[in-house]
Amino acid sequence: MQDHQPGEEPPRKRKRSFWAELPGLLLTALVIAVVIKTFLVQPFWIPSESMLPTIEVNDRVMVNKLAFQLGELERGDIVVFRDPAEAEIEESVPEAIIRSVLEAVGVRTRGRDDLIKRVIGLPGDTVTIDENRVHINGVAIDEPYLSDTSSMPDEGPFEVSEDQVFVMGDNREFSFDSRRFGPIPQEDLVGEAFLTIWPLSNFGGF
């Protein structure tokens, strides 16, 4: 240990340069982004026209992954869920980490592995389509988000069990939804879409 003479100021600690601290700052920011993406919100890319006119092809939407842990699932919610027609993707731990990082920083976006639709039938409901109207438990519902030219053939009844929801796309003529694969388990819901973030011309909530 070096002694200092009386009256002498101790040497000041040399500050690290910004460039020396930059890797640590970037790593911290990346970890925060991955945590947010994994547990809170995540951007999703919309590759299809099934939600027109509400969500356009190639829109990026933000999804709240805690929506159904903190609140009630409601009719009319726009939800993202695992595609029931796709097999579960198996990936190693390194592959999962790389995917999460790329998704968190926006280099890669989800879209083809998941579907986005609107909740129409809640647990315990019976859904039927008659004369171009959706009926829940025998009562026609209002759907102001549909286009004036929307058309649906008569179908149903579809029974929704206590742990399921019945989902449909807003573009009824071009939507692969519960009319084809049936109600989906609530445990397959990823979260609720609440905001279009890109392109800026479409920015806004639903």
C-alpha atoms as a PDB file:
ATOM      1  CA  MET A   1       0.000   0.000   0.000  1.00  0.00           C
ATOM      2  CA  GLN A   2       1.324   3.413  -0.957  1.00  0.00           C
ATOM      3  CA  ASP A   3       1.442   6.052   1.786  1.00  0.00           C
ATOM      4  CA  HIS A   4       0.569   9.678   1.102  1.00  0.00           C
ATOM      5  CA  GLN A   5       2.366  12.622   2.631  1.00  0.00           C
ATOM      6  CA  PRO A   6       0.329  15.011   4.787  1.00  0.00           C
ATOM      7  CA  GLY A   7      -1.371  17.640   2.671  1.00  0.00           C
ATOM      8  CA  GLU A   8      -1.188  15.548  -0.478  1.00  0.00           C
ATOM      9  CA  GLU A   9      -4.434  14.680  -2.263  1.00  0.00           C
ATOM     10  CA  PRO A  10      -5.002  10.950  -2.815  1.00  0.00           C
ATOM     11  CA  PRO A  11      -4.837   9.953  -6.466  1.00  0.00           C
ATOM     12  CA  ARG A  12      -8.192   9.996  -8.186  1.00  0.00           C
ATOM     13  CA  LYS A  13      -9.591   6.791  -9.593  1.00  0.00           C
ATOM     14  CA  ARG A  14      -9.375   6.754 -13.339  1.00  0.00           C
ATOM     15  CA  LYS A  15     -12.829   6.718 -14.928  1.00  0.00           C
ATOM     16  CA  ARG A  16     -13.473   4.005 -17.463  1.00  0.00           C
ATOM     17  CA  SER A  17     -14.123   5.325 -20.921  1.00  0.00           C
ATOM     18  CA  PHE A  18     -17.558   5.080 -22.518  1.00  0.00           C
ATOM     19  CA  TRP A  19     -16.250   2.593 -25.073  1.00  0.00           C
ATOM     20  CA  ALA A  20     -14.920   0.330 -22.326  1.00  0.00           C
ATOM     21  CA  GLU A  21     -18.334   0.294 -20.641  1.00  0.00           C
ATOM     22  CA  LEU A  22     -20.330  -0.064 -23.860  1.00  0.00           C
ATOM     23  CA  PRO A  23     -20.215  -3.914 -24.070  1.00  0.00           C
ATOM     24  CA  GLY A  24     -21.577  -4.174 -20.530  1.00  0.00           C
ATOM     25  CA  LEU A  25     -24.330  -1.658 -21.261  1.00  0.00           C
ATOM     26  CA  LEU A  26     -25.337  -3.495 -24.430  1.00  0.00           C
ATOM     27  CA  LEU A  27     -25.408  -6.835 -22.612  1.00  0.00           C
ATOM     28  CA  THR A  28     -27.582  -5.377 -19.846  1.00  0.00           C
ATOM     29  CA  ALA A  29     -29.967  -3.867 -22.372  1.00  0.00           C
ATOM     30  CA  LEU A  30     -30.157  -7.173 -24.222  1.00  0.00           C
ATOM     31  CA  VAL A  31     -30.935  -9.124 -21.049  1.00  0.00           C
ATOM     32  CA  ILE A  32     -33.687  -6.641 -20.167  1.00  0.00           C
ATOM     33  CA  ALA A  33     -35.141  -6.922 -23.693  1.00  0.00           C
ATOM     34  CA  VAL A  34     -35.190 -10.734 -23.521  1.00  0.00           C
ATOM     35  CA  VAL A  35     -36.866 -10.702 -20.097  1.00  0.00           C
ATOM     36  CA  ILE A  36     -39.523  -8.245 -21.320  1.00  0.00           C
ATOM     37  CA  LYS A  37     -40.154 -10.332 -24.441  1.00  0.00           C
ATOM     38  CA  THR A  38     -40.373 -13.572 -22.488  1.00  0.00           C
ATOM     39  CA  PHE A  39     -42.670 -12.452 -19.685  1.00  0.00           C
ATOM     40  CA  LEU A  40     -44.343  -9.132 -20.521  1.00  0.00           C
ATOM     41  CA  VAL A  41     -44.853  -7.962 -24.119  1.00  0.00           C
ATOM     42  CA  GLN A  42     -43.681  -9.159 -27.513  1.00  0.00           C
ATOM     43  CA  PRO A  43     -43.980  -7.920 -31.108  1.00  0.00           C
ATOM     44  CA  PHE A  44     -45.673 -10.230 -33.593  1.00  0.00           C
ATOM     45  CA  TRP A  45     -45.634 -10.076 -37.369  1.00  0.00           C
ATOM     46  CA  ILE A  46     -48.973 -10.625 -39.137  1.00  0.00           C
ATOM     47  CA  PRO A  47     -48.357 -12.496 -42.418  1.00  0.00           C
ATOM     48  CA  SER A  48     -51.970 -13.203 -43.457  1.00  0.00           C
ATOM     49  CA  GLU A  49     -55.154 -11.332 -44.335  1.00  0.00           C
ATOM     50  CA  SER A  50     -57.349 -13.212 -41.853  1.00  0.00           C
ATOM     51  CA  MET A  51     -57.816 -10.172 -39.565  1.00  0.00           C
ATOM     52  CA  LEU A  52     -58.645  -7.575 -42.229  1.00  0.00           C
ATOM     53  CA  PRO A  53     -59.802  -4.837 -41.950  1.00  0.00           C
ATOM     54  CA  THR A  54     -58.691  -4.583 -38.289  1.00  0.00           C
ATOM     55  CA  ILE A  55     -55.089  -5.716 -38.848  1.00  0.00           C
ATOM     56  CA  GLU A  56     -53.428  -5.509 -42.247  1.00  0.00           C
ATOM     57  CA  VAL A  57     -50.952  -7.896 -43.866  1.00  0.00           C
ATOM     58  CA  ASN A  58     -47.361  -7.327 -42.631  1.00  0.00           C
ATOM     59  CA  ASP A  59     -48.464  -5.228 -39.655  1.00  0.00           C
ATOM     60  CA  ARG A  60     -46.438  -5.586 -36.457  1.00  0.00           C
ATOM     61  CA  VAL A  61     -48.546  -5.775 -33.312  1.00  0.00           C
ATOM     62  CA  MET A  62     -47.648  -5.776 -29.638  1.00  0.00           C
ATOM     63  CA  VAL A  63     -48.963  -8.626 -27.502  1.00  0.00           C
ATOM     64  CA  ASN A  64     -49.476  -8.456 -23.736  1.00  0.00           C
ATOM     65  CA  LYS A  65     -48.408 -11.858 -22.405  1.00  0.00           C
ATOM     66  CA  LEU A  66     -49.789 -11.168 -18.910  1.00  0.00           C
ATOM     67  CA  ALA A  67     -53.255 -10.097 -20.061  1.00  0.00           C
ATOM     68  CA  PHE A  68     -55.033 -13.265 -18.987  1.00  0.00           C
ATOM     69  CA  GLN A  69     -53.035 -13.739 -15.794  1.00  0.00           C
ATOM     70  CA  LEU A  70     -53.987 -10.250 -14.578  1.00  0.00           C
ATOM     71  CA  GLY A  71     -57.444  -9.862 -16.127  1.00  0.00           C
ATOM     72  CA  GLU A  72     -60.488 -11.664 -17.460  1.00  0.00           C
ATOM     73  CA  LEU A  73     -60.737 -13.065 -20.974  1.00  0.00           C
ATOM     74  CA  GLU A  74     -63.543 -11.204 -22.778  1.00  0.00           C
ATOM     75  CA  ARG A  75     -65.506 -11.676 -25.957  1.00  0.00           C
ATOM     76  CA  GLY A  76     -63.983  -9.497 -28.661  1.00  0.00           C
ATOM     77  CA  ASP A  77     -60.401  -9.768 -27.382  1.00  0.00           C
ATOM     78  CA  ILE A  78     -57.813 -10.215 -30.139  1.00  0.00           C
ATOM     79  CA  VAL A  79     -55.543 -13.068 -29.095  1.00  0.00           C
ATOM     80  CA  VAL A  80     -52.392 -14.793 -30.285  1.00  0.00           C
ATOM     81  CA  PHE A  81     -52.216 -18.555 -29.795  1.00  0.00           C
ATOM     82  CA  ARG A  82     -50.258 -21.572 -30.895  1.00  0.00           C
ATOM     83  CA  ASP A  83     -51.297 -22.942 -34.279  1.00  0.00           C
ATOM     84  CA  PRO A  84     -53.157 -26.205 -33.519  1.00  0.00           C
ATOM     85  CA  ALA A  85     -52.181 -27.549 -36.960  1.00  0.00           C
ATOM     86  CA  GLU A  86     -48.453 -27.186 -36.247  1.00  0.00           C
ATOM     87  CA  ALA A  87     -46.453 -29.715 -34.264  1.00  0.00           C
ATOM     88  CA  GLU A  88     -44.580 -28.446 -31.219  1.00  0.00           C
ATOM     89  CA  ILE A  89     -41.120 -27.273 -32.294  1.00  0.00           C
ATOM     90  CA  GLU A  90     -38.288 -28.974 -30.430  1.00  0.00           C
ATOM     91  CA  GLU A  91     -35.170 -26.886 -29.966  1.00  0.00           C
ATOM     92  CA  SER A  92     -32.049 -27.051 -27.878  1.00  0.00           C
ATOM     93  CA  VAL A  93     -31.327 -24.559 -25.099  1.00  0.00           C
ATOM     94  CA  PRO A  94     -28.814 -22.600 -27.251  1.00  0.00           C
ATOM     95  CA  GLU A  95     -31.325 -22.474 -30.128  1.00  0.00           C
ATOM     96  CA  ALA A  96     -34.046 -21.196 -27.788  1.00  0.00           C
ATOM     97  CA  ILE A  97     -31.735 -18.491 -26.420  1.00  0.00           C
ATOM     98  CA  ILE A  98     -30.690 -17.346 -29.900  1.00  0.00           C
ATOM     99  CA  ARG A  99     -34.329 -17.246 -31.039  1.00  0.00           C
ATOM    100  CA  SER A 100     -35.371 -15.222 -27.975  1.00  0.00           C
ATOM    101  CA  VAL A 101     -32.540 -12.740 -28.502  1.00  0.00           C
ATOM    102  CA  LEU A 102     -33.344 -12.241 -32.195  1.00  0.00           C
ATOM    103  CA  GLU A 103     -37.047 -11.800 -31.427  1.00  0.00           C
ATOM    104  CA  ALA A 104     -36.309  -9.381 -28.587  1.00  0.00           C
ATOM    105  CA  VAL A 105     -34.204  -7.069 -30.753  1.00  0.00           C
ATOM    106  CA  GLY A 106     -36.588  -7.271 -33.695  1.00  0.00           C
ATOM    107  CA  VAL A 107     -34.285  -9.109 -36.104  1.00  0.00           C
ATOM    108  CA  ARG A 108     -36.712 -12.008 -36.121  1.00  0.00           C
ATOM    109  CA  THR A 109     -40.444 -11.759 -35.433  1.00  0.00           C
ATOM    110  CA  ARG A 110     -43.035 -14.352 -34.589  1.00  0.00           C
ATOM    111  CA  GLY A 111     -45.875 -14.907 -37.008  1.00  0.00           C
ATOM    112  CA  ARG A 112     -45.796 -18.170 -38.888  1.00  0.00           C
ATOM    113  CA  ASP A 113     -45.664 -20.308 -35.737  1.00  0.00           C
ATOM    114  CA  ASP A 114     -48.720 -18.641 -34.181  1.00  0.00           C
ATOM    115  CA  LEU A 115     -52.177 -17.440 -35.179  1.00  0.00           C
ATOM    116  CA  ILE A 116     -54.071 -14.261 -34.330  1.00  0.00           C
ATOM    117  CA  LYS A 117     -57.879 -14.197 -34.121  1.00  0.00           C
ATOM    118  CA  ARG A 118     -60.738 -12.648 -32.179  1.00  0.00           C
ATOM    119  CA  VAL A 119     -62.435 -14.361 -29.245  1.00  0.00           C
ATOM    120  CA  ILE A 120     -66.065 -15.050 -30.181  1.00  0.00           C
ATOM    121  CA  GLY A 121     -67.166 -17.856 -27.874  1.00  0.00           C
ATOM    122  CA  LEU A 122     -66.312 -18.055 -24.173  1.00  0.00           C
ATOM    123  CA  PRO A 123     -66.276 -21.163 -21.948  1.00  0.00           C
ATOM    124  CA  GLY A 124     -69.748 -22.724 -21.782  1.00  0.00           C
ATOM    125  CA  ASP A 125     -71.059 -20.963 -24.919  1.00  0.00           C
ATOM    126  CA  THR A 126     -72.779 -22.523 -27.899  1.00  0.00           C
ATOM    127  CA  VAL A 127     -71.796 -20.806 -31.152  1.00  0.00           C
ATOM    128  CA  THR A 128     -73.885 -20.991 -34.321  1.00  0.00           C
ATOM    129  CA  ILE A 129     -73.771 -19.067 -37.604  1.00  0.00           C
ATOM    130  CA  ASP A 130     -77.134 -18.413 -39.211  1.00  0.00           C
ATOM    131  CA  GLU A 131     -78.138 -15.980 -41.966  1.00  0.00           C
ATOM    132  CA  ASN A 132     -74.699 -14.330 -41.952  1.00  0.00           C
ATOM    133  CA  ARG A 133     -74.837 -13.599 -38.209  1.00  0.00           C
ATOM    134  CA  VAL A 134     -72.980 -15.190 -35.300  1.00  0.00           C
ATOM    135  CA  HIS A 135     -75.281 -16.352 -32.510  1.00  0.00           C
ATOM    136  CA  ILE A 136     -74.125 -17.032 -28.949  1.00  0.00           C
ATOM    137  CA  ASN A 137     -76.518 -19.250 -27.023  1.00  0.00           C
ATOM    138  CA  GLY A 138     -79.215 -18.419 -29.558  1.00  0.00           C
ATOM    139  CA  VAL A 139     -78.727 -14.629 -29.489  1.00  0.00           C
ATOM    140  CA  ALA A 140     -77.157 -12.750 -32.432  1.00  0.00           C
ATOM    141  CA  ILE A 141     -74.170 -10.582 -31.460  1.00  0.00           C
ATOM    142  CA  ASP A 142     -73.080  -7.249 -32.919  1.00  0.00           C
ATOM    143  CA  GLU A 143     -69.735  -7.297 -34.734  1.00  0.00           C
ATOM    144  CA  PRO A 144     -68.883  -3.718 -35.770  1.00  0.00           C
ATOM    145  CA  TYR A 145     -65.322  -4.736 -36.694  1.00  0.00           C
ATOM    146  CA  LEU A 146     -66.519  -6.741 -39.732  1.00  0.00           C
ATOM    147  CA  SER A 147     -66.564  -5.203 -43.211  1.00  0.00           C
ATOM    148  CA  ASP A 148     -69.924  -4.453 -44.821  1.00  0.00           C
ATOM    149  CA  THR A 149     -69.301  -7.197 -47.408  1.00  0.00           C
ATOM    150  CA  SER A 150     -68.446  -9.908 -44.867  1.00  0.00           C
ATOM    151  CA  SER A 151     -70.129 -13.225 -45.622  1.00  0.00           C
ATOM    152  CA  MET A 152     -70.422 -16.492 -43.663  1.00  0.00           C
ATOM    153  CA  PRO A 153     -72.159 -19.765 -44.498  1.00  0.00           C
ATOM    154  CA  ASP A 154     -74.469 -21.320 -41.918  1.00  0.00           C
ATOM    155  CA  GLU A 155     -72.505 -23.550 -39.535  1.00  0.00           C
ATOM    156  CA  GLY A 156     -72.657 -25.051 -36.085  1.00  0.00           C
ATOM    157  CA  PRO A 157     -73.581 -25.504 -33.382  1.00  0.00           C
ATOM    158  CA  PHE A 158     -70.100 -25.451 -31.816  1.00  0.00           C
ATOM    159  CA  GLU A 159     -69.912 -26.278 -28.122  1.00  0.00           C
ATOM    160  CA  VAL A 160     -67.204 -24.498 -26.113  1.00  0.00           C
ATOM    161  CA  SER A 161     -66.046 -26.370 -23.027  1.00  0.00           C
ATOM    162  CA  GLU A 162     -65.029 -24.747 -19.741  1.00  0.00           C
ATOM    163  CA  ASP A 163     -61.317 -24.612 -20.606  1.00  0.00           C
ATOM    164  CA  GLN A 164     -61.658 -23.434 -24.210  1.00  0.00           C
ATOM    165  CA  VAL A 165     -62.453 -20.406 -26.376  1.00  0.00           C
ATOM    166  CA  PHE A 166     -63.912 -20.165 -29.877  1.00  0.00           C
ATOM    167  CA  VAL A 167     -61.959 -17.823 -32.152  1.00  0.00           C
ATOM    168  CA  MET A 168     -62.608 -16.359 -35.592  1.00  0.00           C
ATOM    169  CA  GLY A 169     -60.781 -13.980 -37.911  1.00  0.00           C
ATOM    170  CA  ASP A 170     -62.414 -10.672 -38.825  1.00  0.00           C
ATOM    171  CA  ASN A 171     -61.990 -11.523 -42.510  1.00  0.00           C
ATOM    172  CA  ARG A 172     -64.543 -14.320 -42.354  1.00  0.00           C
ATOM    173  CA  GLU A 173     -64.155 -15.502 -45.955  1.00  0.00           C
ATOM    174  CA  PHE A 174     -60.374 -15.970 -45.625  1.00  0.00           C
ATOM    175  CA  SER A 175     -59.757 -17.097 -42.062  1.00  0.00           C
ATOM    176  CA  PHE A 176     -58.579 -20.484 -40.837  1.00  0.00           C
ATOM    177  CA  ASP A 177     -60.144 -20.539 -37.395  1.00  0.00           C
ATOM    178  CA  SER A 178     -62.301 -22.448 -34.901  1.00  0.00           C
ATOM    179  CA  ARG A 179     -64.854 -23.177 -37.610  1.00  0.00           C
ATOM    180  CA  ARG A 180     -62.227 -25.577 -38.984  1.00  0.00           C
ATOM    181  CA  PHE A 181     -60.063 -26.691 -36.061  1.00  0.00           C
ATOM    182  CA  GLY A 182     -62.622 -26.237 -33.268  1.00  0.00           C
ATOM    183  CA  PRO A 183     -62.340 -24.347 -29.980  1.00  0.00           C
ATOM    184  CA  ILE A 184     -58.799 -23.956 -28.632  1.00  0.00           C
ATOM    185  CA  PRO A 185     -57.524 -24.654 -25.101  1.00  0.00           C
ATOM    186  CA  GLN A 186     -57.016 -21.518 -23.048  1.00  0.00           C
ATOM    187  CA  GLU A 187     -53.564 -22.815 -22.089  1.00  0.00           C
ATOM    188  CA  ASP A 188     -52.517 -22.327 -25.734  1.00  0.00           C
ATOM    189  CA  LEU A 189     -53.149 -18.574 -25.590  1.00  0.00           C
ATOM    190  CA  VAL A 190     -49.901 -16.586 -25.829  1.00  0.00           C
ATOM    191  CA  GLY A 191     -51.426 -13.197 -25.019  1.00  0.00           C
ATOM    192  CA  GLU A 192     -53.686 -10.355 -26.122  1.00  0.00           C
ATOM    193  CA  ALA A 193     -52.822  -8.078 -29.032  1.00  0.00           C
ATOM    194  CA  PHE A 194     -53.418  -4.452 -28.060  1.00  0.00           C
ATOM    195  CA  LEU A 195     -51.443  -2.165 -30.386  1.00  0.00           C
ATOM    196  CA  THR A 196     -50.216  -1.920 -33.976  1.00  0.00           C
ATOM    197  CA  ILE A 197     -46.694  -0.467 -33.924  1.00  0.00           C
ATOM    198  CA  TRP A 198     -45.672  -0.778 -37.590  1.00  0.00           C
ATOM    199  CA  PRO A 199     -46.071   0.643 -40.130  1.00  0.00           C
ATOM    200  CA  LEU A 200     -46.472   4.031 -38.453  1.00  0.00           C
ATOM    201  CA  SER A 201     -49.395   4.812 -40.739  1.00  0.00           C
ATOM    202  CA  ASN A 202     -51.357   2.040 -38.970  1.00  0.00           C
ATOM    203  CA  PHE A 203     -50.139   2.882 -35.451  1.00  0.00           C
ATOM    204  CA  GLY A 204     -52.854   2.602 -32.821  1.00  0.00           C
ATOM    205  CA  GLY A 205     -54.861   0.367 -30.514  1.00  0.00           C
ATOM    206  CA  PHE A 206     -57.730  -1.950 -31.372  1.00  0.00           C
END
